[in-house]
PDB file of N, CA and C in Angstrom:
ATOM      1  N   UNK A   1    -107.166  28.439 -84.472  1.00  0.00           N
ATOM      2  CA  UNK A   1    -107.743  29.853 -84.372  1.00  0.00           C
ATOM      3  C   UNK A   1    -107.267  30.643 -84.491  1.00  0.00           C
ATOM      4  N   UNK A   2    -105.885  31.095 -83.752  1.00  0.00           N
ATOM      5  CA  UNK A   2    -104.769  31.905 -83.799  1.00  0.00           C
ATOM      6  C   UNK A   2    -104.920  32.140 -85.493  1.00  0.00           C
ATOM      7  N   UNK A   3    -104.201  31.157 -86.264  1.00  0.00           N
ATOM      8  CA  UNK A   3    -104.044  30.560 -87.296  1.00  0.00           C
ATOM      9  C   UNK A   3    -105.454  31.745 -88.502  1.00  0.00           C
ATOM     10  N   UNK A   4    -106.501  31.357 -88.080  1.00  0.00           N
ATOM     11  CA  UNK A   4    -107.754  31.887 -89.128  1.00  0.00           C
ATOM     12  C   UNK A   4    -107.649  33.485 -88.760  1.00  0.00           C
ATOM     13  N   UNK A   5    -107.567  34.034 -87.906  1.00  0.00           N
ATOM     14  CA  UNK A   5    -107.327  35.274 -87.419  1.00  0.00           C
ATOM     15  C   UNK A   5    -106.596  36.029 -87.900  1.00  0.00           C
ATOM     16  N   UNK A   6    -105.170  35.379 -87.958  1.00  0.00           N
ATOM     17  CA  UNK A   6    -104.381  35.991 -88.837  1.00  0.00           C
ATOM     18  C   UNK A   6    -104.299  35.700 -90.052  1.00  0.00           C
ATOM     19  N   UNK A   7    -104.584  35.119 -90.623  1.00  0.00           N
ATOM     20  CA  UNK A   7    -104.963  35.250 -92.010  1.00  0.00           C
ATOM     21  C   UNK A   7    -105.662  35.694 -92.338  1.00  0.00           C
ATOM     22  N   UNK A   8    -107.022  35.972 -91.388  1.00  0.00           N
ATOM     23  CA  UNK A   8    -108.246  36.883 -92.017  1.00  0.00           C
ATOM     24  C   UNK A   8    -107.464  38.446 -92.144  1.00  0.00           C
ATOM     25  N   UNK A   9    -106.608  39.025 -90.988  1.00  0.00           N
ATOM     26  CA  UNK A   9    -106.191  40.355 -90.611  1.00  0.00           C
ATOM     27  C   UNK A   9    -105.246  40.402 -91.983  1.00  0.00           C
ATOM     28  N   UNK A  10    -104.499  39.699 -92.597  1.00  0.00           N
ATOM     29  CA  UNK A  10    -103.545  39.765 -93.613  1.00  0.00           C
ATOM     30  C   UNK A  10    -104.353  39.839 -95.064  1.00  0.00           C
ATOM     31  N   UNK A  11    -105.457  39.259 -95.086  1.00  0.00           N
ATOM     32  CA  UNK A  11    -106.462  39.420 -96.414  1.00  0.00           C
ATOM     33  C   UNK A  11    -107.266  40.990 -96.238  1.00  0.00           C
ATOM     34  N   UNK A  12    -107.573  41.330 -94.950  1.00  0.00           N
ATOM     35  CA  UNK A  12    -107.914  43.014 -95.007  1.00  0.00           C
ATOM     36  C   UNK A  12    -106.862  43.655 -95.117  1.00  0.00           C
ATOM     37  N   UNK A  13    -105.592  43.574 -94.920  1.00  0.00           N
ATOM     38  CA  UNK A  13    -104.996  44.526 -95.141  1.00  0.00           C
ATOM     39  C   UNK A  13    -104.404  44.535 -96.422  1.00  0.00           C
ATOM     40  N   UNK A  14    -104.113  43.133 -97.304  1.00  0.00           N
ATOM     41  CA  UNK A  14    -104.269  43.592 -98.609  1.00  0.00           C
ATOM     42  C   UNK A  14    -105.256  43.758 -99.190  1.00  0.00           C
ATOM     43  N   UNK A  15    -106.205  43.290 -99.171  1.00  0.00           N
ATOM     44  CA  UNK A  15    -107.555  44.171 -99.464  1.00  0.00           C
ATOM     45  C   UNK A  15    -107.326  46.007 -99.405  1.00  0.00           C
ATOM     46  N   UNK A  16    -107.075  46.578 -98.246  1.00  0.00           N
ATOM     47  CA  UNK A  16    -106.732  47.980 -98.138  1.00  0.00           C
ATOM     48  C   UNK A  16    -106.024  48.476 -99.210  1.00  0.00           C
ATOM     49  N   UNK A  17    -104.955  47.543 -99.140  1.00  0.00           N
ATOM     50  CA  UNK A  17    -103.859  47.821 -99.567  1.00  0.00           C
ATOM     51  C   UNK A  17    -103.976  48.049-101.588  1.00  0.00           C
ATOM     52  N   UNK A  18    -104.956  46.829-101.850  1.00  0.00           N
ATOM     53  CA  UNK A  18    -104.620  46.989-103.639  1.00  0.00           C
ATOM     54  C   UNK A  18    -106.348  47.980-103.659  1.00  0.00           C
ATOM     55  N   UNK A  19    -107.365  48.019-103.010  1.00  0.00           N
ATOM     56  CA  UNK A  19    -108.008  49.037-103.020  1.00  0.00           C
ATOM     57  C   UNK A  19    -107.401  50.457-103.037  1.00  0.00           C
ATOM     58  N   UNK A  20    -106.842  50.694-102.145  1.00  0.00           N
ATOM     59  CA  UNK A  20    -105.890  52.048-102.468  1.00  0.00           C
ATOM     60  C   UNK A  20    -105.380  52.361-103.632  1.00  0.00           C
ATOM     61  N   UNK A  21    -104.579  51.342-103.580  1.00  0.00           N
ATOM     62  CA  UNK A  21    -103.962  51.344-105.231  1.00  0.00           C
ATOM     63  C   UNK A  21    -104.697  51.296-106.492  1.00  0.00           C
ATOM     64  N   UNK A  22    -105.575  50.797-106.288  1.00  0.00           N
ATOM     65  CA  UNK A  22    -106.528  51.013-107.433  1.00  0.00           C
ATOM     66  C   UNK A  22    -106.898  51.906-108.396  1.00  0.00           C
ATOM     67  N   UNK A  23    -106.845  53.467-107.680  1.00  0.00           N
ATOM     68  CA  UNK A  23    -106.970  54.735-108.524  1.00  0.00           C
ATOM     69  C   UNK A  23    -105.516  55.133-108.984  1.00  0.00           C
ATOM     70  N   UNK A  24    -104.494  54.696-108.348  1.00  0.00           N
ATOM     71  CA  UNK A  24    -103.628  55.211-108.930  1.00  0.00           C
ATOM     72  C   UNK A  24    -103.186  53.968-109.977  1.00  0.00           C
ATOM     73  N   UNK A  25    -103.217  53.070-110.328  1.00  0.00           N
ATOM     74  CA  UNK A  25    -103.293  51.698-111.362  1.00  0.00           C
ATOM     75  C   UNK A  25    -104.335  52.042-112.737  1.00  0.00           C
ATOM     76  N   UNK A  26    -105.522  52.598-112.053  1.00  0.00           N
ATOM     77  CA  UNK A  26    -106.472  52.953-113.344  1.00  0.00           C
ATOM     78  C   UNK A  26    -105.826  54.293-114.348  1.00  0.00           C
ATOM     79  N   UNK A  27    -105.331  55.293-113.175  1.00  0.00           N
ATOM     80  CA  UNK A  27    -104.685  56.773-113.849  1.00  0.00           C
ATOM     81  C   UNK A  27    -103.220  55.900-114.725  1.00  0.00           C
ATOM     82  N   UNK A  28    -102.535  55.067-113.826  1.00  0.00           N
ATOM     83  CA  UNK A  28    -101.312  54.824-114.761  1.00  0.00           C
ATOM     84  C   UNK A  28    -101.546  54.092-116.537  1.00  0.00           C
ATOM     85  N   UNK A  29    -102.608  53.561-116.121  1.00  0.00           N
ATOM     86  CA  UNK A  29    -103.132  52.563-117.098  1.00  0.00           C
ATOM     87  C   UNK A  29    -103.611  53.796-118.228  1.00  0.00           C
ATOM     88  N   UNK A  30    -103.935  54.613-117.812  1.00  0.00           N
ATOM     89  CA  UNK A  30    -104.574  55.816-118.780  1.00  0.00           C
ATOM     90  C   UNK A  30    -103.477  56.381-119.557  1.00  0.00           C
ATOM     91  N   UNK A  31    -103.193  56.761-118.569  1.00  0.00           N
ATOM     92  CA  UNK A  31    -101.333  57.541-119.297  1.00  0.00           C
ATOM     93  C   UNK A  31    -100.799  56.684-120.218  1.00  0.00           C
ATOM     94  N   UNK A  32    -100.494  55.182-119.712  1.00  0.00           N
ATOM     95  CA  UNK A  32     -99.415  54.885-120.516  1.00  0.00           C
ATOM     96  C   UNK A  32     -99.976  54.405-122.073  1.00  0.00           C
ATOM     97  N   UNK A  33    -101.701  54.598-121.681  1.00  0.00           N
ATOM     98  CA  UNK A  33    -103.007  53.902-123.119  1.00  0.00           C
ATOM     99  C   UNK A  33    -102.609  55.098-123.569  1.00  0.00           C
ATOM    100  N   UNK A  34    -102.409  56.573-123.136  1.00  0.00           N
ATOM    101  CA  UNK A  34    -102.216  57.544-124.133  1.00  0.00           C
ATOM    102  C   UNK A  34    -100.703  58.119-124.808  1.00  0.00           C
ATOM    103  N   UNK A  35     -99.822  57.308-123.799  1.00  0.00           N
ATOM    104  CA  UNK A  35     -98.665  57.585-124.507  1.00  0.00           C
ATOM    105  C   UNK A  35     -98.533  56.612-125.670  1.00  0.00           C
ATOM    106  N   UNK A  36     -99.053  55.162-125.445  1.00  0.00           N
ATOM    107  CA  UNK A  36     -98.931  54.119-126.325  1.00  0.00           C
ATOM    108  C   UNK A  36     -99.192  54.700-127.758  1.00  0.00           C
ATOM    109  N   UNK A  37    -100.716  55.880-127.941  1.00  0.00           N
ATOM    110  CA  UNK A  37    -101.438  56.244-128.759  1.00  0.00           C
ATOM    111  C   UNK A  37    -100.211  57.589-129.340  1.00  0.00           C
ATOM    112  N   UNK A  38     -99.668  58.142-128.541  1.00  0.00           N
ATOM    113  CA  UNK A  38     -98.794  59.129-129.009  1.00  0.00           C
ATOM    114  C   UNK A  38     -97.316  58.417-129.975  1.00  0.00           C
ATOM    115  N   UNK A  39     -97.086  57.879-129.260  1.00  0.00           N
ATOM    116  CA  UNK A  39     -95.873  56.996-129.871  1.00  0.00           C
ATOM    117  C   UNK A  39     -96.389  56.255-131.061  1.00  0.00           C
ATOM    118  N   UNK A  40     -97.491  55.616-131.360  1.00  0.00           N
ATOM    119  CA  UNK A  40     -98.063  55.319-132.662  1.00  0.00           C
ATOM    120  C   UNK A  40     -97.974  56.062-133.457  1.00  0.00           C
ATOM    121  N   UNK A  41     -98.848  56.860-133.506  1.00  0.00           N
ATOM    122  CA  UNK A  41     -98.976  58.724-134.126  1.00  0.00           C
ATOM    123  C   UNK A  41     -97.097  59.123-134.468  1.00  0.00           C
ATOM    124  N   UNK A  42     -96.272  59.391-133.930  1.00  0.00           N
ATOM    125  CA  UNK A  42     -95.155  59.601-134.483  1.00  0.00           C
ATOM    126  C   UNK A  42     -94.609  58.550-135.087  1.00  0.00           C
ATOM    127  N   UNK A  43     -94.668  57.219-135.348  1.00  0.00           N
ATOM    128  CA  UNK A  43     -94.128  56.068-135.626  1.00  0.00           C
ATOM    129  C   UNK A  43     -94.974  56.210-137.242  1.00  0.00           C
ATOM    130  N   UNK A  44     -95.635  56.344-137.330  1.00  0.00           N
ATOM    131  CA  UNK A  44     -96.694  56.617-138.199  1.00  0.00           C
ATOM    132  C   UNK A  44     -96.538  57.783-139.465  1.00  0.00           C
ATOM    133  N   UNK A  45     -95.729  58.867-138.811  1.00  0.00           N
ATOM    134  CA  UNK A  45     -95.487  60.096-139.124  1.00  0.00           C
ATOM    135  C   UNK A  45     -94.113  60.183-140.286  1.00  0.00           C
ATOM    136  N   UNK A  46     -94.551  60.161-141.237  1.00  0.00           N
ATOM    137  CA  UNK A  46     -93.005  60.102-142.178  1.00  0.00           C
ATOM    138  C   UNK A  46     -91.640  60.903-142.235  1.00  0.00           C
ATOM    139  N   UNK A  47     -91.815  62.054-141.394  1.00  0.00           N
ATOM    140  CA  UNK A  47     -90.980  63.308-141.154  1.00  0.00           C
ATOM    141  C   UNK A  47     -91.195  63.486-139.874  1.00  0.00           C
ATOM    142  N   UNK A  48     -91.140  63.440-138.931  1.00  0.00           N
ATOM    143  CA  UNK A  48     -91.332  63.769-137.553  1.00  0.00           C
ATOM    144  C   UNK A  48     -90.225  64.729-137.198  1.00  0.00           C
ATOM    145  N   UNK A  49     -90.493  65.907-136.731  1.00  0.00           N
ATOM    146  CA  UNK A  49     -89.856  67.000-136.675  1.00  0.00           C
ATOM    147  C   UNK A  49     -88.767  66.403-135.393  1.00  0.00           C
ATOM    148  N   UNK A  50     -88.002  67.279-135.091  1.00  0.00           N
ATOM    149  CA  UNK A  50     -86.917  67.152-134.100  1.00  0.00           C
ATOM    150  C   UNK A  50     -87.825  66.752-132.677  1.00  0.00           C
ATOM    151  N   UNK A  51     -88.488  68.125-132.541  1.00  0.00           N
ATOM    152  CA  UNK A  51     -89.012  68.046-131.093  1.00  0.00           C
ATOM    153  C   UNK A  51     -90.320  66.847-131.226  1.00  0.00           C
ATOM    154  N   UNK A  52     -90.982  66.197-131.999  1.00  0.00           N
ATOM    155  CA  UNK A  52     -91.544  64.978-132.099  1.00  0.00           C
ATOM    156  C   UNK A  52     -90.643  63.890-131.511  1.00  0.00           C
ATOM    157  N   UNK A  53     -89.798  64.024-132.337  1.00  0.00           N
ATOM    158  CA  UNK A  53     -88.249  62.746-131.915  1.00  0.00           C
ATOM    159  C   UNK A  53     -88.350  62.668-130.213  1.00  0.00           C
ATOM    160  N   UNK A  54     -87.648  64.003-129.841  1.00  0.00           N
ATOM    161  CA  UNK A  54     -87.363  64.017-128.497  1.00  0.00           C
ATOM    162  C   UNK A  54     -88.475  63.793-127.970  1.00  0.00           C
ATOM    163  N   UNK A  55     -89.580  64.110-128.083  1.00  0.00           N
ATOM    164  CA  UNK A  55     -90.898  63.933-126.921  1.00  0.00           C
ATOM    165  C   UNK A  55     -91.178  62.592-126.839  1.00  0.00           C
ATOM    166  N   UNK A  56     -91.059  61.703-128.052  1.00  0.00           N
ATOM    167  CA  UNK A  56     -91.498  60.441-128.251  1.00  0.00           C
ATOM    168  C   UNK A  56     -90.097  59.772-127.490  1.00  0.00           C
ATOM    169  N   UNK A  57     -88.545  60.166-127.599  1.00  0.00           N
ATOM    170  CA  UNK A  57     -87.876  59.135-126.707  1.00  0.00           C
ATOM    171  C   UNK A  57     -88.258  59.637-125.459  1.00  0.00           C
ATOM    172  N   UNK A  58     -88.605  60.834-124.778  1.00  0.00           N
ATOM    173  CA  UNK A  58     -89.123  61.343-123.518  1.00  0.00           C
ATOM    174  C   UNK A  58     -90.072  60.293-122.713  1.00  0.00           C
ATOM    175  N   UNK A  59     -90.999  59.950-123.659  1.00  0.00           N
ATOM    176  CA  UNK A  59     -92.534  59.059-123.722  1.00  0.00           C
ATOM    177  C   UNK A  59     -92.469  58.161-123.036  1.00  0.00           C
ATOM    178  N   UNK A  60     -91.315  57.476-124.096  1.00  0.00           N
ATOM    179  CA  UNK A  60     -90.785  55.775-124.390  1.00  0.00           C
ATOM    180  C   UNK A  60     -90.461  55.502-122.846  1.00  0.00           C
ATOM    181  N   UNK A  61     -89.299  56.912-122.804  1.00  0.00           N
ATOM    182  CA  UNK A  61     -88.328  56.333-121.316  1.00  0.00           C
ATOM    183  C   UNK A  61     -89.217  56.213-119.995  1.00  0.00           C
ATOM    184  N   UNK A  62     -90.165  57.370-120.377  1.00  0.00           N
ATOM    185  CA  UNK A  62     -91.436  57.082-119.515  1.00  0.00           C
ATOM    186  C   UNK A  62     -92.070  56.340-118.868  1.00  0.00           C
ATOM    187  N   UNK A  63     -92.563  55.942-119.969  1.00  0.00           N
ATOM    188  CA  UNK A  63     -93.656  54.382-120.086  1.00  0.00           C
ATOM    189  C   UNK A  63     -92.696  53.351-119.264  1.00  0.00           C
ATOM    190  N   UNK A  64     -91.414  53.624-119.748  1.00  0.00           N
ATOM    191  CA  UNK A  64     -90.543  52.553-119.433  1.00  0.00           C
ATOM    192  C   UNK A  64     -90.241  52.011-117.785  1.00  0.00           C
ATOM    193  N   UNK A  65     -89.772  53.608-117.287  1.00  0.00           N
ATOM    194  CA  UNK A  65     -89.731  53.742-115.787  1.00  0.00           C
ATOM    195  C   UNK A  65     -91.439  53.649-115.151  1.00  0.00           C
ATOM    196  N   UNK A  66     -92.476  53.946-115.561  1.00  0.00           N
ATOM    197  CA  UNK A  66     -93.642  53.810-115.209  1.00  0.00           C
ATOM    198  C   UNK A  66     -94.033  51.869-114.962  1.00  0.00           C
ATOM    199  N   UNK A  67     -93.494  51.199-115.745  1.00  0.00           N
ATOM    200  CA  UNK A  67     -94.186  49.976-115.892  1.00  0.00           C
ATOM    201  C   UNK A  67     -92.790  49.465-114.906  1.00  0.00           C
ATOM    202  N   UNK A  68     -91.462  49.518-114.852  1.00  0.00           N
ATOM    203  CA  UNK A  68     -90.444  49.353-113.578  1.00  0.00           C
ATOM    204  C   UNK A  68     -91.065  49.763-112.711  1.00  0.00           C
ATOM    205  N   UNK A  69     -91.725  50.476-112.208  1.00  0.00           N
ATOM    206  CA  UNK A  69     -92.035  50.869-110.924  1.00  0.00           C
ATOM    207  C   UNK A  69     -93.467  49.977-110.517  1.00  0.00           C
ATOM    208  N   UNK A  70     -93.816  49.941-111.170  1.00  0.00           N
ATOM    209  CA  UNK A  70     -95.227  49.242-111.547  1.00  0.00           C
ATOM    210  C   UNK A  70     -95.153  47.694-110.918  1.00  0.00           C
ATOM    211  N   UNK A  71     -93.745  47.215-111.552  1.00  0.00           N
ATOM    212  CA  UNK A  71     -93.370  45.974-111.272  1.00  0.00           C
ATOM    213  C   UNK A  71     -92.599  45.660-110.252  1.00  0.00           C
ATOM    214  N   UNK A  72     -92.137  46.806-109.471  1.00  0.00           N
ATOM    215  CA  UNK A  72     -91.401  46.499-108.236  1.00  0.00           C
ATOM    216  C   UNK A  72     -92.543  47.009-107.348  1.00  0.00           C
ATOM    217  N   UNK A  73     -93.420  47.275-107.220  1.00  0.00           N
ATOM    218  CA  UNK A  73     -94.824  47.224-106.390  1.00  0.00           C
ATOM    219  C   UNK A  73     -95.140  46.052-106.169  1.00  0.00           C
ATOM    220  N   UNK A  74     -95.542  45.713-107.330  1.00  0.00           N
ATOM    221  CA  UNK A  74     -96.658  44.409-107.083  1.00  0.00           C
ATOM    222  C   UNK A  74     -95.128  43.394-106.817  1.00  0.00           C
ATOM    223  N   UNK A  75     -93.745  43.312-106.571  1.00  0.00           N
ATOM    224  CA  UNK A  75     -93.089  42.451-105.599  1.00  0.00           C
ATOM    225  C   UNK A  75     -93.470  42.630-104.363  1.00  0.00           C
ATOM    226  N   UNK A  76     -92.866  44.093-104.269  1.00  0.00           N
ATOM    227  CA  UNK A  76     -93.391  44.118-102.524  1.00  0.00           C
ATOM    228  C   UNK A  76     -94.408  43.460-102.293  1.00  0.00           C
ATOM    229  N   UNK A  77     -95.532  43.998-103.105  1.00  0.00           N
ATOM    230  CA  UNK A  77     -96.886  43.585-101.970  1.00  0.00           C
ATOM    231  C   UNK A  77     -96.878  42.285-102.374  1.00  0.00           C
ATOM    232  N   UNK A  78     -95.939  41.276-103.682  1.00  0.00           N
ATOM    233  CA  UNK A  78     -96.187  39.938-103.302  1.00  0.00           C
ATOM    234  C   UNK A  78     -95.130  39.425-102.214  1.00  0.00           C
ATOM    235  N   UNK A  79     -93.988  39.799-102.081  1.00  0.00           N
ATOM    236  CA  UNK A  79     -93.510  39.707-100.933  1.00  0.00           C
ATOM    237  C   UNK A  79     -93.657  39.868 -99.624  1.00  0.00           C
ATOM    238  N   UNK A  80     -94.405  40.809 -99.345  1.00  0.00           N
ATOM    239  CA  UNK A  80     -94.788  41.285 -97.696  1.00  0.00           C
ATOM    240  C   UNK A  80     -96.307  40.187 -98.009  1.00  0.00           C
ATOM    241  N   UNK A  81     -96.807  39.687 -98.029  1.00  0.00           N
ATOM    242  CA  UNK A  81     -97.864  39.227 -98.303  1.00  0.00           C
ATOM    243  C   UNK A  81     -97.195  37.730 -97.961  1.00  0.00           C
ATOM    244  N   UNK A  82     -96.576  37.045 -98.795  1.00  0.00           N
ATOM    245  CA  UNK A  82     -95.657  36.041 -98.803  1.00  0.00           C
ATOM    246  C   UNK A  82     -95.048  36.104 -97.303  1.00  0.00           C
ATOM    247  N   UNK A  83     -94.322  37.206 -96.700  1.00  0.00           N
ATOM    248  CA  UNK A  83     -93.872  36.774 -95.304  1.00  0.00           C
ATOM    249  C   UNK A  83     -95.089  36.834 -94.086  1.00  0.00           C
ATOM    250  N   UNK A  84     -96.093  37.771 -94.227  1.00  0.00           N
ATOM    251  CA  UNK A  84     -97.067  37.876 -93.616  1.00  0.00           C
ATOM    252  C   UNK A  84     -97.439  36.708 -93.375  1.00  0.00           C
ATOM    253  N   UNK A  85     -97.848  36.147 -94.128  1.00  0.00           N
ATOM    254  CA  UNK A  85     -99.041  34.486 -94.285  1.00  0.00           C
ATOM    255  C   UNK A  85     -97.311  33.327 -93.851  1.00  0.00           C
ATOM    256  N   UNK A  86     -96.650  33.627 -94.008  1.00  0.00           N
ATOM    257  CA  UNK A  86     -95.350  32.699 -93.499  1.00  0.00           C
ATOM    258  C   UNK A  86     -94.655  33.205 -91.857  1.00  0.00           C
ATOM    259  N   UNK A  87     -95.333  34.305 -91.230  1.00  0.00           N
ATOM    260  CA  UNK A  87     -94.905  34.669 -89.922  1.00  0.00           C
ATOM    261  C   UNK A  87     -95.017  34.006 -88.874  1.00  0.00           C
ATOM    262  N   UNK A  88     -94.163  33.177 -88.348  1.00  0.00           N
ATOM    263  CA  UNK A  88     -94.449  32.035 -87.151  1.00  0.00           C
ATOM    264  C   UNK A  88     -94.828  30.916 -87.755  1.00  0.00           C
ATOM    265  N   UNK A  89     -94.984  30.875 -88.686  1.00  0.00           N
ATOM    266  CA  UNK A  89     -95.561  29.318 -89.192  1.00  0.00           C
ATOM    267  C   UNK A  89     -94.434  28.304 -89.074  1.00  0.00           C
ATOM    268  N   UNK A  90     -93.350  28.656 -88.534  1.00  0.00           N
ATOM    269  CA  UNK A  90     -91.939  27.644 -88.117  1.00  0.00           C
ATOM    270  C   UNK A  90     -92.558  27.202 -86.378  1.00  0.00           C
ATOM    271  N   UNK A  91     -93.226  28.004 -85.684  1.00  0.00           N
ATOM    272  CA  UNK A  91     -93.568  28.151 -84.707  1.00  0.00           C
ATOM    273  C   UNK A  91     -95.262  26.876 -84.472  1.00  0.00           C
ATOM    274  N   UNK A  92     -95.526  27.278 -85.554  1.00  0.00           N
ATOM    275  CA  UNK A  92     -97.278  26.342 -85.394  1.00  0.00           C
ATOM    276  C   UNK A  92     -97.150  24.901 -85.289  1.00  0.00           C
TER     277      UNK A  92
END
């Protein structure tokens, strides 16, 4: 019975976390799509000027940073979920 309550609490906490993150994820998705369109536009340009080249470099680096942050977030969520689901399991 205690395990069922613990599992329910874990699921509830994870749901709240994921629900709260959904808006941020949708925002980042839209930003990454805009970045992709910009980078495609620049790559299709025959002679981009120096400012366009600079912005393309900055946007590319920012998109990598966003991707790294999302990956790190997902790893943390998975670790916490795993740890919470296996907490005290060796006692049971």
